[in-house]
N, C-alpha and C. Protein backbone atom coordinates (compact mmCIF):
# COMPACT_ATOMS: atom_id res chain seq x y z
N MET A 1 0.82 -1.18 0.00
CA MET A 1 0.00 0.00 0.00
C MET A 1 0.87 1.27 0.00
N CYS A 2 1.92 1.29 0.83
CA CYS A 2 2.80 2.46 0.90
C CYS A 2 3.53 2.67 -0.42
N GLU A 3 4.05 1.59 -1.00
CA GLU A 3 4.74 1.71 -2.28
C GLU A 3 3.80 2.22 -3.36
N ASP A 4 2.58 1.72 -3.39
CA ASP A 4 1.61 2.19 -4.38
C ASP A 4 1.35 3.68 -4.23
N LEU A 5 1.23 4.15 -3.00
CA LEU A 5 1.01 5.57 -2.75
C LEU A 5 2.20 6.40 -3.22
N ILE A 6 3.41 5.93 -2.92
CA ILE A 6 4.62 6.64 -3.36
C ILE A 6 4.70 6.67 -4.88
N PHE A 7 4.43 5.55 -5.53
CA PHE A 7 4.49 5.48 -6.98
C PHE A 7 3.47 6.45 -7.59
N LYS A 8 2.29 6.51 -6.98
CA LYS A 8 1.25 7.40 -7.49
C LYS A 8 1.69 8.87 -7.35
N LEU A 9 2.30 9.21 -6.23
CA LEU A 9 2.77 10.58 -6.00
C LEU A 9 3.92 10.96 -6.92
N VAL A 10 4.84 10.01 -7.16
CA VAL A 10 6.00 10.27 -8.01
C VAL A 10 5.59 10.28 -9.49
N GLY A 11 4.62 9.48 -9.82
CA GLY A 11 4.16 9.43 -11.21
C GLY A 11 4.62 8.20 -11.97
N HIS A 12 5.46 7.39 -11.36
CA HIS A 12 5.91 6.14 -11.98
C HIS A 12 6.50 5.24 -10.90
N GLU A 13 6.68 3.97 -11.27
CA GLU A 13 7.24 3.02 -10.31
C GLU A 13 8.73 3.26 -10.12
N LEU A 14 9.20 3.04 -8.92
CA LEU A 14 10.62 3.17 -8.59
C LEU A 14 11.18 1.79 -8.29
N GLU A 15 12.36 1.50 -8.79
CA GLU A 15 12.96 0.19 -8.57
C GLU A 15 13.78 0.14 -7.29
N ASP A 16 14.30 1.30 -6.85
CA ASP A 16 15.21 1.30 -5.70
C ASP A 16 14.53 1.74 -4.40
N ILE A 17 13.27 1.40 -4.25
CA ILE A 17 12.57 1.77 -3.02
C ILE A 17 12.32 0.53 -2.18
N SER A 18 12.48 0.71 -0.88
CA SER A 18 12.25 -0.40 0.04
C SER A 18 11.66 0.17 1.33
N ILE A 19 10.44 -0.19 1.64
CA ILE A 19 9.78 0.25 2.87
C ILE A 19 10.28 -0.65 4.01
N LEU A 20 10.97 -0.06 4.98
CA LEU A 20 11.51 -0.84 6.09
C LEU A 20 10.53 -0.95 7.25
N ASP A 21 9.76 0.11 7.48
CA ASP A 21 8.85 0.11 8.62
C ASP A 21 7.82 1.20 8.41
N ILE A 22 6.67 1.06 9.01
CA ILE A 22 5.66 2.12 8.99
C ILE A 22 5.18 2.35 10.42
N LYS A 23 4.81 3.57 10.68
CA LYS A 23 4.28 3.93 12.00
C LYS A 23 3.01 4.73 11.78
N PRO A 24 1.91 4.31 12.37
CA PRO A 24 0.67 5.08 12.21
C PRO A 24 0.78 6.44 12.92
N TRP A 25 0.12 7.43 12.37
CA TRP A 25 0.14 8.78 12.93
C TRP A 25 -1.29 9.24 13.11
N VAL A 26 -1.62 9.75 14.28
CA VAL A 26 -2.95 10.25 14.57
C VAL A 26 -2.82 11.73 14.88
N MET A 27 -3.61 12.55 14.18
CA MET A 27 -3.55 13.99 14.41
C MET A 27 -4.22 14.32 15.75
N HIS A 28 -3.52 15.11 16.57
CA HIS A 28 -4.07 15.59 17.83
C HIS A 28 -3.32 16.84 18.25
N ALA A 29 -3.89 17.53 19.20
CA ALA A 29 -3.25 18.74 19.73
C ALA A 29 -3.26 18.65 21.26
N GLU A 30 -2.29 19.28 21.88
CA GLU A 30 -2.20 19.30 23.34
C GLU A 30 -1.97 20.74 23.79
N VAL A 31 -2.61 21.10 24.90
CA VAL A 31 -2.46 22.44 25.45
C VAL A 31 -2.19 22.30 26.95
N ALA A 32 -1.26 23.09 27.46
CA ALA A 32 -0.92 23.04 28.89
C ALA A 32 -2.10 23.50 29.74
N GLU A 33 -2.19 22.96 30.94
CA GLU A 33 -3.24 23.39 31.86
C GLU A 33 -2.98 24.79 32.40
N LYS A 34 -1.70 25.11 32.63
CA LYS A 34 -1.31 26.44 33.13
C LYS A 34 -0.16 26.96 32.28
N PHE A 35 -0.16 28.26 32.03
CA PHE A 35 0.93 28.88 31.27
C PHE A 35 1.88 29.64 32.17
N LEU A 36 1.54 29.73 33.45
CA LEU A 36 2.35 30.51 34.39
C LEU A 36 2.37 29.79 35.72
N SER A 37 3.54 29.71 36.33
CA SER A 37 3.68 29.15 37.67
C SER A 37 4.28 30.23 38.55
N PHE A 38 3.45 30.81 39.41
CA PHE A 38 3.93 31.88 40.30
C PHE A 38 4.95 31.34 41.31
N GLU A 39 4.76 30.07 41.72
CA GLU A 39 5.68 29.48 42.71
C GLU A 39 7.10 29.42 42.16
N ASN A 40 7.24 28.99 40.93
CA ASN A 40 8.56 28.80 40.33
C ASN A 40 8.95 29.93 39.38
N GLN A 41 8.10 30.91 39.21
CA GLN A 41 8.32 32.03 38.31
C GLN A 41 8.70 31.55 36.91
N VAL A 42 7.86 30.68 36.37
CA VAL A 42 8.12 30.10 35.05
C VAL A 42 6.93 30.41 34.14
N PHE A 43 7.23 30.87 32.92
CA PHE A 43 6.23 31.07 31.90
C PHE A 43 6.43 30.02 30.81
N LEU A 44 5.34 29.47 30.31
CA LEU A 44 5.42 28.54 29.19
C LEU A 44 5.03 29.27 27.92
N ALA A 45 5.73 28.96 26.84
CA ALA A 45 5.42 29.54 25.53
C ALA A 45 5.80 28.56 24.45
N GLY A 46 5.21 28.72 23.28
CA GLY A 46 5.55 27.87 22.14
C GLY A 46 5.20 26.41 22.37
N ASP A 47 6.05 25.50 21.91
CA ASP A 47 5.78 24.07 22.00
C ASP A 47 5.72 23.56 23.43
N ALA A 48 6.30 24.29 24.38
CA ALA A 48 6.21 23.88 25.78
C ALA A 48 4.79 24.07 26.30
N ALA A 49 4.05 25.00 25.70
CA ALA A 49 2.70 25.31 26.16
C ALA A 49 1.63 24.60 25.35
N HIS A 50 1.88 24.39 24.09
CA HIS A 50 0.90 23.73 23.22
C HIS A 50 1.58 23.16 22.00
N ARG A 51 1.08 22.00 21.60
CA ARG A 51 1.61 21.35 20.41
C ARG A 51 0.47 21.14 19.43
N PHE A 52 0.72 21.46 18.18
CA PHE A 52 -0.27 21.29 17.14
C PHE A 52 0.27 20.37 16.07
N PRO A 53 -0.61 19.75 15.29
CA PRO A 53 -0.13 18.95 14.17
C PRO A 53 0.57 19.84 13.16
N PRO A 54 1.46 19.28 12.35
CA PRO A 54 2.23 20.11 11.42
C PRO A 54 1.40 20.74 10.31
N ALA A 55 0.21 20.23 10.04
CA ALA A 55 -0.62 20.79 8.97
C ALA A 55 -1.04 22.21 9.31
N GLY A 56 -0.83 23.12 8.40
CA GLY A 56 -1.30 24.49 8.58
C GLY A 56 -0.30 25.44 9.19
N GLY A 57 0.79 24.95 9.75
CA GLY A 57 1.80 25.84 10.33
C GLY A 57 1.37 26.54 11.60
N PHE A 58 0.40 26.00 12.32
CA PHE A 58 -0.10 26.66 13.52
C PHE A 58 0.94 26.71 14.64
N GLY A 59 1.82 25.73 14.69
CA GLY A 59 2.81 25.68 15.78
C GLY A 59 3.70 26.91 15.81
N ILE A 60 4.30 27.28 14.69
CA ILE A 60 5.21 28.43 14.66
C ILE A 60 4.44 29.72 14.87
N ILE A 61 3.25 29.80 14.34
CA ILE A 61 2.44 31.01 14.49
C ILE A 61 2.08 31.23 15.96
N THR A 62 1.63 30.19 16.63
CA THR A 62 1.27 30.36 18.04
C THR A 62 2.51 30.58 18.90
N GLY A 63 3.64 29.99 18.51
CA GLY A 63 4.88 30.24 19.25
C GLY A 63 5.29 31.71 19.17
N ILE A 64 5.18 32.31 17.99
CA ILE A 64 5.49 33.73 17.82
C ILE A 64 4.51 34.58 18.59
N GLN A 65 3.22 34.23 18.55
CA GLN A 65 2.21 34.97 19.31
C GLN A 65 2.50 34.89 20.81
N ASP A 66 2.89 33.71 21.28
CA ASP A 66 3.23 33.54 22.69
C ASP A 66 4.39 34.44 23.09
N ALA A 67 5.41 34.48 22.25
CA ALA A 67 6.60 35.29 22.55
C ALA A 67 6.23 36.77 22.62
N GLN A 68 5.43 37.23 21.68
CA GLN A 68 5.01 38.64 21.68
C GLN A 68 4.15 38.94 22.89
N ASN A 69 3.24 38.05 23.21
CA ASN A 69 2.35 38.23 24.36
C ASN A 69 3.16 38.28 25.66
N LEU A 70 4.12 37.39 25.80
CA LEU A 70 4.94 37.35 26.99
C LEU A 70 5.87 38.57 27.07
N ALA A 71 6.38 39.01 25.93
CA ALA A 71 7.33 40.13 25.91
C ALA A 71 6.72 41.41 26.47
N TRP A 72 5.52 41.77 26.06
CA TRP A 72 4.94 43.01 26.56
C TRP A 72 4.57 42.91 28.04
N LYS A 73 4.19 41.71 28.48
CA LYS A 73 3.87 41.54 29.90
C LYS A 73 5.13 41.63 30.76
N LEU A 74 6.22 41.00 30.29
CA LEU A 74 7.48 41.11 31.03
C LEU A 74 7.98 42.56 31.04
N ALA A 75 7.85 43.25 29.91
CA ALA A 75 8.27 44.65 29.83
C ALA A 75 7.48 45.50 30.82
N ALA A 76 6.18 45.23 30.96
CA ALA A 76 5.36 45.97 31.90
C ALA A 76 5.82 45.73 33.34
N VAL A 77 6.16 44.47 33.65
CA VAL A 77 6.63 44.15 35.01
C VAL A 77 7.98 44.81 35.27
N VAL A 78 8.89 44.71 34.31
CA VAL A 78 10.23 45.27 34.47
C VAL A 78 10.15 46.80 34.62
N ASN A 79 9.24 47.42 33.87
CA ASN A 79 9.09 48.88 33.94
C ASN A 79 8.12 49.32 35.03
N ASP A 80 7.71 48.37 35.88
CA ASP A 80 6.84 48.64 37.04
C ASP A 80 5.51 49.26 36.63
N CYS A 81 4.95 48.78 35.53
CA CYS A 81 3.64 49.23 35.09
C CYS A 81 2.58 48.27 35.62
N HIS A 82 1.37 48.71 35.61
CA HIS A 82 0.27 47.85 36.02
C HIS A 82 -0.40 47.30 34.77
N ILE A 83 -0.59 45.99 34.75
CA ILE A 83 -1.22 45.34 33.58
C ILE A 83 -2.71 45.38 33.75
């Protein structure tokens, strides 16, 4: 089945292909229960906070959004502003 799929994608049969192993993949996403730990003063961002399937590029986009979101909050704390 895998070889047939590869041949179909390539457009012709390949003689030098050998499938050694296959692993099933199930699409899922995970999100952390907490993004901040006041006890340990730790912030989670990017893949540490949430993981998305590779389809759509959501992982890098949310990682960048996390960094921007965390940056302005840290800047406010460092500059002694009230959020």
